[in-house]
C-alpha atoms as a PDB file:
ATOM      1  CA  UNK A   1      17.947 -66.122 -50.268  1.00  0.00           C
ATOM      2  CA  UNK A   2      15.571 -63.215 -51.389  1.00  0.00           C
ATOM      3  CA  UNK A   3      13.554 -61.397 -49.249  1.00  0.00           C
ATOM      4  CA  UNK A   4      10.237 -63.019 -48.576  1.00  0.00           C
ATOM      5  CA  UNK A   5       8.151 -59.919 -48.505  1.00  0.00           C
ATOM      6  CA  UNK A   6       8.677 -59.320 -52.167  1.00  0.00           C
ATOM      7  CA  UNK A   7       9.079 -62.920 -52.965  1.00  0.00           C
ATOM      8  CA  UNK A   8       5.274 -63.642 -51.125  1.00  0.00           C
ATOM      9  CA  UNK A   9       3.510 -60.468 -53.499  1.00  0.00           C
ATOM     10  CA  UNK A  10       5.181 -62.145 -56.485  1.00  0.00           C
ATOM     11  CA  UNK A  11       4.389 -65.131 -56.429  1.00  0.00           C
ATOM     12  CA  UNK A  12       0.620 -64.756 -55.479  1.00  0.00           C
ATOM     13  CA  UNK A  13       0.051 -61.519 -57.121  1.00  0.00           C
ATOM     14  CA  UNK A  14      -2.829 -63.164 -58.300  1.00  0.00           C
ATOM     15  CA  UNK A  15      -3.609 -64.051 -55.060  1.00  0.00           C
ATOM     16  CA  UNK A  16      -3.343 -61.927 -52.508  1.00  0.00           C
ATOM     17  CA  UNK A  17      -5.759 -61.507 -49.393  1.00  0.00           C
ATOM     18  CA  UNK A  18      -5.359 -60.329 -46.397  1.00  0.00           C
ATOM     19  CA  UNK A  19      -5.584 -63.654 -43.716  1.00  0.00           C
ATOM     20  CA  UNK A  20      -2.435 -64.924 -44.333  1.00  0.00           C
ATOM     21  CA  UNK A  21      -1.365 -61.560 -42.640  1.00  0.00           C
ATOM     22  CA  UNK A  22      -3.492 -61.712 -39.652  1.00  0.00           C
ATOM     23  CA  UNK A  23      -2.439 -65.420 -38.478  1.00  0.00           C
ATOM     24  CA  UNK A  24       0.859 -63.911 -39.463  1.00  0.00           C
ATOM     25  CA  UNK A  25       0.480 -61.963 -36.642  1.00  0.00           C
ATOM     26  CA  UNK A  26      -1.044 -64.159 -34.049  1.00  0.00           C
ATOM     27  CA  UNK A  27       1.563 -66.669 -34.493  1.00  0.00           C
ATOM     28  CA  UNK A  28       4.476 -64.004 -34.082  1.00  0.00           C
ATOM     29  CA  UNK A  29       3.062 -63.616 -30.411  1.00  0.00           C
ATOM     30  CA  UNK A  30       2.216 -66.657 -29.706  1.00  0.00           C
ATOM     31  CA  UNK A  31       5.408 -68.620 -30.578  1.00  0.00           C
ATOM     32  CA  UNK A  32       3.560 -72.279 -30.882  1.00  0.00           C
ATOM     33  CA  UNK A  33       5.271 -74.874 -31.253  1.00  0.00           C
ATOM     34  CA  UNK A  34       2.525 -76.916 -33.827  1.00  0.00           C
ATOM     35  CA  UNK A  35       0.586 -75.356 -36.047  1.00  0.00           C
ATOM     36  CA  UNK A  36      -1.534 -77.203 -38.159  1.00  0.00           C
ATOM     37  CA  UNK A  37      -2.737 -75.810 -41.804  1.00  0.00           C
ATOM     38  CA  UNK A  38      -5.302 -78.661 -43.343  1.00  0.00           C
ATOM     39  CA  UNK A  39      -5.435 -77.578 -47.560  1.00  0.00           C
ATOM     40  CA  UNK A  40      -2.639 -75.904 -48.206  1.00  0.00           C
ATOM     41  CA  UNK A  41      -3.186 -75.523 -51.964  1.00  0.00           C
ATOM     42  CA  UNK A  42      -1.167 -72.985 -52.881  1.00  0.00           C
ATOM     43  CA  UNK A  43       1.022 -72.353 -49.616  1.00  0.00           C
ATOM     44  CA  UNK A  44       0.028 -68.699 -49.732  1.00  0.00           C
ATOM     45  CA  UNK A  45      -1.183 -68.951 -45.941  1.00  0.00           C
ATOM     46  CA  UNK A  46       1.334 -72.006 -45.337  1.00  0.00           C
ATOM     47  CA  UNK A  47       4.218 -69.247 -46.579  1.00  0.00           C
ATOM     48  CA  UNK A  48       2.816 -66.672 -44.467  1.00  0.00           C
ATOM     49  CA  UNK A  49       2.909 -69.140 -40.792  1.00  0.00           C
ATOM     50  CA  UNK A  50       5.985 -70.616 -41.685  1.00  0.00           C
ATOM     51  CA  UNK A  51       7.070 -67.108 -42.438  1.00  0.00           C
ATOM     52  CA  UNK A  52       6.389 -66.381 -39.054  1.00  0.00           C
ATOM     53  CA  UNK A  53       7.737 -69.314 -37.541  1.00  0.00           C
ATOM     54  CA  UNK A  54      10.927 -68.510 -38.896  1.00  0.00           C
ATOM     55  CA  UNK A  55      11.000 -64.970 -37.126  1.00  0.00           C
ATOM     56  CA  UNK A  56      10.202 -66.724 -34.129  1.00  0.00           C
ATOM     57  CA  UNK A  57      12.994 -69.524 -34.851  1.00  0.00           C
ATOM     58  CA  UNK A  58      10.895 -72.009 -33.584  1.00  0.00           C
ATOM     59  CA  UNK A  59       7.607 -74.299 -34.284  1.00  0.00           C
ATOM     60  CA  UNK A  60       6.672 -76.719 -37.292  1.00  0.00           C
ATOM     61  CA  UNK A  61       4.103 -76.002 -39.759  1.00  0.00           C
ATOM     62  CA  UNK A  62       2.352 -79.274 -40.955  1.00  0.00           C
ATOM     63  CA  UNK A  63       0.406 -78.468 -43.928  1.00  0.00           C
ATOM     64  CA  UNK A  64      -2.411 -81.407 -45.010  1.00  0.00           C
ATOM     65  CA  UNK A  65      -3.368 -81.346 -47.956  1.00  0.00           C
ATOM     66  CA  UNK A  66      -4.246 -84.612 -50.086  1.00  0.00           C
ATOM     67  CA  UNK A  67      -3.912 -82.589 -54.106  1.00  0.00           C
ATOM     68  CA  UNK A  68      -7.178 -83.299 -55.951  1.00  0.00           C
ATOM     69  CA  UNK A  69      -8.195 -80.195 -56.233  1.00  0.00           C
ATOM     70  CA  UNK A  70      -6.801 -79.329 -60.099  1.00  0.00           C
ATOM     71  CA  UNK A  71      -8.888 -76.080 -60.620  1.00  0.00           C
ATOM     72  CA  UNK A  72      -5.867 -74.129 -61.884  1.00  0.00           C
ATOM     73  CA  UNK A  73      -4.265 -76.705 -62.746  1.00  0.00           C
ATOM     74  CA  UNK A  74      -3.709 -75.778 -66.629  1.00  0.00           C
ATOM     75  CA  UNK A  75      -2.092 -71.811 -64.952  1.00  0.00           C
ATOM     76  CA  UNK A  76      -0.302 -73.093 -62.023  1.00  0.00           C
ATOM     77  CA  UNK A  77       0.584 -76.763 -63.415  1.00  0.00           C
ATOM     78  CA  UNK A  78       1.174 -80.338 -60.862  1.00  0.00           C
ATOM     79  CA  UNK A  79      -0.697 -78.830 -57.111  1.00  0.00           C
ATOM     80  CA  UNK A  80       1.808 -80.344 -55.005  1.00  0.00           C
ATOM     81  CA  UNK A  81       4.962 -79.194 -56.914  1.00  0.00           C
ATOM     82  CA  UNK A  82       3.413 -75.862 -57.347  1.00  0.00           C
ATOM     83  CA  UNK A  83       3.201 -75.394 -53.496  1.00  0.00           C
ATOM     84  CA  UNK A  84       6.502 -77.201 -53.370  1.00  0.00           C
ATOM     85  CA  UNK A  85       7.929 -74.654 -55.086  1.00  0.00           C
ATOM     86  CA  UNK A  86       6.267 -71.558 -53.896  1.00  0.00           C
ATOM     87  CA  UNK A  87       7.602 -72.670 -49.933  1.00  0.00           C
ATOM     88  CA  UNK A  88      10.919 -72.617 -51.418  1.00  0.00           C
ATOM     89  CA  UNK A  89      11.337 -69.447 -53.314  1.00  0.00           C
ATOM     90  CA  UNK A  90       9.478 -67.983 -50.528  1.00  0.00           C
ATOM     91  CA  UNK A  91      12.696 -69.866 -48.779  1.00  0.00           C
ATOM     92  CA  UNK A  92      10.441 -71.393 -45.407  1.00  0.00           C
ATOM     93  CA  UNK A  93      10.493 -74.194 -46.808  1.00  0.00           C
ATOM     94  CA  UNK A  94      12.088 -75.712 -44.484  1.00  0.00           C
ATOM     95  CA  UNK A  95       9.776 -74.905 -41.413  1.00  0.00           C
ATOM     96  CA  UNK A  96       6.774 -76.890 -43.532  1.00  0.00           C
ATOM     97  CA  UNK A  97       6.214 -80.744 -43.749  1.00  0.00           C
ATOM     98  CA  UNK A  98       3.729 -81.794 -46.130  1.00  0.00           C
ATOM     99  CA  UNK A  99       0.979 -84.805 -45.103  1.00  0.00           C
ATOM    100  CA  UNK A 100      -0.536 -85.884 -47.688  1.00  0.00           C
ATOM    101  CA  UNK A 101      -3.883 -87.675 -47.145  1.00  0.00           C
ATOM    102  CA  UNK A 102      -7.523 -86.665 -46.603  1.00  0.00           C
ATOM    103  CA  UNK A 103      -7.033 -84.710 -43.170  1.00  0.00           C
ATOM    104  CA  UNK A 104      -9.649 -87.587 -41.429  1.00  0.00           C
ATOM    105  CA  UNK A 105      -7.225 -90.273 -42.688  1.00  0.00           C
ATOM    106  CA  UNK A 106      -3.027 -88.851 -42.250  1.00  0.00           C
ATOM    107  CA  UNK A 107      -2.370 -89.028 -38.180  1.00  0.00           C
ATOM    108  CA  UNK A 108      -2.149 -85.280 -37.113  1.00  0.00           C
ATOM    109  CA  UNK A 109       0.796 -84.233 -34.980  1.00  0.00           C
ATOM    110  CA  UNK A 110      -0.491 -85.636 -31.496  1.00  0.00           C
ATOM    111  CA  UNK A 111      -0.133 -82.275 -29.977  1.00  0.00           C
ATOM    112  CA  UNK A 112      -1.911 -78.872 -31.665  1.00  0.00           C
ATOM    113  CA  UNK A 113      -1.005 -75.334 -31.069  1.00  0.00           C
ATOM    114  CA  UNK A 114      -2.487 -73.820 -33.709  1.00  0.00           C
ATOM    115  CA  UNK A 115      -5.348 -75.097 -36.246  1.00  0.00           C
ATOM    116  CA  UNK A 116      -6.010 -72.774 -39.453  1.00  0.00           C
ATOM    117  CA  UNK A 117      -8.568 -75.153 -41.219  1.00  0.00           C
ATOM    118  CA  UNK A 118      -9.047 -73.837 -45.192  1.00  0.00           C
ATOM    119  CA  UNK A 119      -9.520 -76.926 -46.819  1.00  0.00           C
ATOM    120  CA  UNK A 120     -13.096 -78.949 -47.804  1.00  0.00           C
ATOM    121  CA  UNK A 121     -16.105 -75.493 -47.044  1.00  0.00           C
ATOM    122  CA  UNK A 122     -18.729 -78.751 -46.690  1.00  0.00           C
ATOM    123  CA  UNK A 123     -20.697 -78.197 -42.699  1.00  0.00           C
ATOM    124  CA  UNK A 124     -18.992 -82.387 -42.114  1.00  0.00           C
ATOM    125  CA  UNK A 125     -15.759 -81.369 -43.146  1.00  0.00           C
ATOM    126  CA  UNK A 126     -15.035 -78.158 -41.239  1.00  0.00           C
ATOM    127  CA  UNK A 127     -16.571 -79.436 -37.944  1.00  0.00           C
ATOM    128  CA  UNK A 128     -14.583 -82.914 -38.347  1.00  0.00           C
ATOM    129  CA  UNK A 129     -11.582 -81.089 -38.453  1.00  0.00           C
ATOM    130  CA  UNK A 130     -12.602 -78.226 -36.217  1.00  0.00           C
ATOM    131  CA  UNK A 131     -13.208 -80.729 -33.834  1.00  0.00           C
ATOM    132  CA  UNK A 132     -10.364 -83.213 -33.694  1.00  0.00           C
ATOM    133  CA  UNK A 133      -7.841 -79.173 -33.245  1.00  0.00           C
ATOM    134  CA  UNK A 134      -9.824 -79.038 -30.520  1.00  0.00           C
ATOM    135  CA  UNK A 135      -8.987 -83.076 -29.749  1.00  0.00           C
ATOM    136  CA  UNK A 136      -5.000 -82.468 -30.142  1.00  0.00           C
ATOM    137  CA  UNK A 137      -5.262 -78.949 -27.800  1.00  0.00           C
ATOM    138  CA  UNK A 138      -5.244 -76.664 -29.773  1.00  0.00           C
ATOM    139  CA  UNK A 139      -5.542 -73.120 -28.384  1.00  0.00           C
ATOM    140  CA  UNK A 140      -6.359 -71.289 -31.656  1.00  0.00           C
ATOM    141  CA  UNK A 141      -8.191 -72.028 -34.146  1.00  0.00           C
ATOM    142  CA  UNK A 142      -8.829 -70.152 -37.520  1.00  0.00           C
ATOM    143  CA  UNK A 143     -11.839 -71.084 -40.008  1.00  0.00           C
ATOM    144  CA  UNK A 144     -11.944 -69.680 -43.259  1.00  0.00           C
ATOM    145  CA  UNK A 145     -14.090 -68.257 -45.381  1.00  0.00           C
ATOM    146  CA  UNK A 146     -16.855 -67.924 -43.166  1.00  0.00           C
ATOM    147  CA  UNK A 147     -18.528 -65.146 -44.786  1.00  0.00           C
ATOM    148  CA  UNK A 148     -19.172 -66.487 -48.147  1.00  0.00           C
ATOM    149  CA  UNK A 149     -19.244 -71.060 -47.463  1.00  0.00           C
ATOM    150  CA  UNK A 150     -21.977 -72.624 -46.154  1.00  0.00           C
ATOM    151  CA  UNK A 151     -20.622 -74.946 -43.946  1.00  0.00           C
ATOM    152  CA  UNK A 152     -17.392 -72.967 -42.937  1.00  0.00           C
ATOM    153  CA  UNK A 153     -20.427 -69.971 -42.099  1.00  0.00           C
ATOM    154  CA  UNK A 154     -23.549 -72.369 -40.611  1.00  0.00           C
ATOM    155  CA  UNK A 155     -20.524 -74.635 -38.378  1.00  0.00           C
ATOM    156  CA  UNK A 156     -19.243 -71.050 -37.307  1.00  0.00           C
ATOM    157  CA  UNK A 157     -23.147 -69.956 -35.968  1.00  0.00           C
ATOM    158  CA  UNK A 158     -22.995 -73.393 -34.390  1.00  0.00           C
ATOM    159  CA  UNK A 159     -20.067 -73.324 -32.387  1.00  0.00           C
ATOM    160  CA  UNK A 160     -21.370 -69.524 -30.901  1.00  0.00           C
ATOM    161  CA  UNK A 161     -24.230 -70.920 -29.039  1.00  0.00           C
ATOM    162  CA  UNK A 162     -22.086 -73.165 -27.518  1.00  0.00           C
ATOM    163  CA  UNK A 163     -20.998 -72.142 -23.527  1.00  0.00           C
ATOM    164  CA  UNK A 164     -18.238 -75.050 -24.053  1.00  0.00           C
ATOM    165  CA  UNK A 165     -16.466 -76.416 -26.458  1.00  0.00           C
ATOM    166  CA  UNK A 166     -13.997 -79.438 -26.097  1.00  0.00           C
ATOM    167  CA  UNK A 167     -14.877 -78.777 -21.748  1.00  0.00           C
ATOM    168  CA  UNK A 168     -13.246 -75.203 -22.758  1.00  0.00           C
ATOM    169  CA  UNK A 169     -15.108 -71.738 -22.957  1.00  0.00           C
ATOM    170  CA  UNK A 170     -13.910 -69.998 -26.035  1.00  0.00           C
ATOM    171  CA  UNK A 171     -13.345 -66.198 -27.495  1.00  0.00           C
ATOM    172  CA  UNK A 172     -14.285 -65.845 -30.574  1.00  0.00           C
ATOM    173  CA  UNK A 173     -14.190 -62.458 -33.612  1.00  0.00           C
ATOM    174  CA  UNK A 174     -14.488 -61.953 -36.631  1.00  0.00           C
ATOM    175  CA  UNK A 175     -12.224 -60.753 -39.935  1.00  0.00           C
ATOM    176  CA  UNK A 176     -15.234 -59.839 -42.168  1.00  0.00           C
ATOM    177  CA  UNK A 177     -12.473 -58.491 -44.852  1.00  0.00           C
ATOM    178  CA  UNK A 178     -12.388 -61.064 -48.419  1.00  0.00           C
ATOM    179  CA  UNK A 179     -14.635 -64.527 -47.322  1.00  0.00           C
ATOM    180  CA  UNK A 180     -14.506 -63.973 -44.034  1.00  0.00           C
ATOM    181  CA  UNK A 181     -12.587 -65.889 -40.925  1.00  0.00           C
ATOM    182  CA  UNK A 182     -12.778 -66.491 -37.596  1.00  0.00           C
ATOM    183  CA  UNK A 183     -10.386 -67.084 -35.027  1.00  0.00           C
ATOM    184  CA  UNK A 184     -11.259 -69.613 -31.762  1.00  0.00           C
ATOM    185  CA  UNK A 185      -9.477 -68.829 -29.241  1.00  0.00           C
ATOM    186  CA  UNK A 186      -9.037 -70.935 -25.888  1.00  0.00           C
ATOM    187  CA  UNK A 187      -9.889 -68.418 -23.088  1.00  0.00           C
ATOM    188  CA  UNK A 188      -7.154 -69.015 -20.105  1.00  0.00           C
ATOM    189  CA  UNK A 189      -6.884 -67.611 -16.376  1.00  0.00           C
ATOM    190  CA  UNK A 190      -6.405 -64.331 -16.403  1.00  0.00           C
ATOM    191  CA  UNK A 191      -2.966 -63.333 -14.726  1.00  0.00           C
ATOM    192  CA  UNK A 192      -3.558 -61.287 -10.940  1.00  0.00           C
ATOM    193  CA  UNK A 193      -2.309 -57.337 -11.758  1.00  0.00           C
ATOM    194  CA  UNK A 194       1.013 -56.374 -11.076  1.00  0.00           C
ATOM    195  CA  UNK A 195       0.585 -52.870 -12.037  1.00  0.00           C
ATOM    196  CA  UNK A 196      -1.635 -49.846 -11.452  1.00  0.00           C
ATOM    197  CA  UNK A 197      -1.703 -46.362 -13.088  1.00  0.00           C
ATOM    198  CA  UNK A 198      -4.917 -45.005 -12.053  1.00  0.00           C
ATOM    199  CA  UNK A 199      -3.605 -41.925 -10.508  1.00  0.00           C
ATOM    200  CA  UNK A 200      -3.177 -39.117 -12.646  1.00  0.00           C
ATOM    201  CA  UNK A 201      -0.482 -38.024 -14.659  1.00  0.00           C
ATOM    202  CA  UNK A 202       2.525 -37.077 -13.595  1.00  0.00           C
ATOM    203  CA  UNK A 203       2.777 -40.252 -11.468  1.00  0.00           C
ATOM    204  CA  UNK A 204       4.576 -42.744 -12.998  1.00  0.00           C
ATOM    205  CA  UNK A 205       2.284 -45.235 -12.000  1.00  0.00           C
ATOM    206  CA  UNK A 206       2.826 -48.611  -9.018  1.00  0.00           C
ATOM    207  CA  UNK A 207       4.522 -51.464  -9.165  1.00  0.00           C
ATOM    208  CA  UNK A 208       2.615 -53.184  -6.999  1.00  0.00           C
ATOM    209  CA  UNK A 209       4.116 -56.453  -6.239  1.00  0.00           C
ATOM    210  CA  UNK A 210       6.216 -55.034  -3.669  1.00  0.00           C
ATOM    211  CA  UNK A 211       3.035 -53.756  -1.462  1.00  0.00           C
ATOM    212  CA  UNK A 212       1.314 -55.334   1.504  1.00  0.00           C
ATOM    213  CA  UNK A 213      -2.449 -55.556   0.826  1.00  0.00           C
ATOM    214  CA  UNK A 214      -2.841 -53.332   3.189  1.00  0.00           C
ATOM    215  CA  UNK A 215      -0.223 -50.943   0.784  1.00  0.00           C
ATOM    216  CA  UNK A 216      -2.751 -51.482  -2.214  1.00  0.00           C
ATOM    217  CA  UNK A 217      -6.194 -50.688  -0.025  1.00  0.00           C
ATOM    218  CA  UNK A 218      -4.665 -47.083   0.655  1.00  0.00           C
ATOM    219  CA  UNK A 219      -3.599 -47.109  -3.186  1.00  0.00           C
ATOM    220  CA  UNK A 220      -6.529 -47.673  -3.921  1.00  0.00           C
ATOM    221  CA  UNK A 221      -8.736 -45.300  -1.627  1.00  0.00           C
ATOM    222  CA  UNK A 222      -6.679 -42.100  -3.244  1.00  0.00           C
ATOM    223  CA  UNK A 223      -7.088 -43.638  -6.416  1.00  0.00           C
ATOM    224  CA  UNK A 224     -10.718 -43.759  -5.723  1.00  0.00           C
ATOM    225  CA  UNK A 225     -11.176 -40.126  -4.010  1.00  0.00           C
ATOM    226  CA  UNK A 226      -8.971 -38.603  -6.952  1.00  0.00           C
ATOM    227  CA  UNK A 227     -10.597 -40.003  -9.817  1.00  0.00           C
ATOM    228  CA  UNK A 228     -14.193 -41.138  -8.007  1.00  0.00           C
ATOM    229  CA  UNK A 229     -13.837 -44.655  -9.430  1.00  0.00           C
ATOM    230  CA  UNK A 230     -14.915 -47.667  -7.654  1.00  0.00           C
ATOM    231  CA  UNK A 231     -11.851 -49.942  -6.914  1.00  0.00           C
ATOM    232  CA  UNK A 232     -12.766 -52.603  -4.257  1.00  0.00           C
ATOM    233  CA  UNK A 233     -13.464 -55.254  -7.340  1.00  0.00           C
ATOM    234  CA  UNK A 234     -10.295 -55.803  -8.172  1.00  0.00           C
ATOM    235  CA  UNK A 235      -8.437 -56.196  -4.837  1.00  0.00           C
ATOM    236  CA  UNK A 236      -9.209 -59.151  -4.928  1.00  0.00           C
ATOM    237  CA  UNK A 237      -7.231 -59.473  -7.899  1.00  0.00           C
ATOM    238  CA  UNK A 238      -4.191 -58.136  -5.737  1.00  0.00           C
ATOM    239  CA  UNK A 239      -4.543 -60.260  -3.030  1.00  0.00           C
ATOM    240  CA  UNK A 240      -1.388 -62.567  -4.062  1.00  0.00           C
ATOM    241  CA  UNK A 241       1.080 -60.227  -2.622  1.00  0.00           C
END
C-alpha cells in the first residue's frame, strides 16, 4: 500500500487546507466509533478522518453527499467516482461508507460520536445538520467555513449565546485558519483529582489515591506554606478517597 501522507498530498495538491488535519488529531485522541460527515465532495477531509480511524483500528465514517455539486466536474469528472477514487488511492476506503442523498432525507446512524458539517452552507441547512448531530448524541461537532460563509457564521454566533444545547453545555473553539472552522465539544464532568505536583522540584509529585483525607490536608497545608497558594478549594475534588 502506498504511503498515505505522500498520496494525500499528491491527490489534493490543489485543494490543500489545514482543517482535516485538526479533525484527524481529535479523532486519534478521542477514538470515536461513529463519525458522520455531511458533505463529502472530493473526500479530502474524509481521507484524513478515515486515516485516523485506521490508525486507531476502530470506528467507521459515514459520508453523506447528494453529489449534485458539479462545479469541478470538468476537472475531476463524476463527483462520486472521484471521491471514491481518492479514498481508495489513500488506502482508507474500507473505513468509509458513502450515503448518497440529502442529509435531511437519508437515514443517519442511530448513534453519532463525531460530526463534521461541510455541506450546503445556508443557515437553515447548517442548523438542520448541527441539531441532527446533537439529536444523535454527538460529543464533537465541527462546522466548516465559519469565517467566510453567512450561514455557518450566523449559526455559530447564535449557538454561542445559548447556555445549553440539547440539554448540555458545550465548549466552543474557533480555528481561524483558512475559511474558519468552529468546534463544539460537549462538556463532560471533570474527573476527580488523583495527583499533586505542587511541592517544588525535586519533589517528584504525590499520588493522592493512597492518602487519607487527613494526609491530603497535610500535603496541601505544606504546599500552601511553601508556595503561598490557598489549596482549600481543591480538597473537595479529592475527598473521594
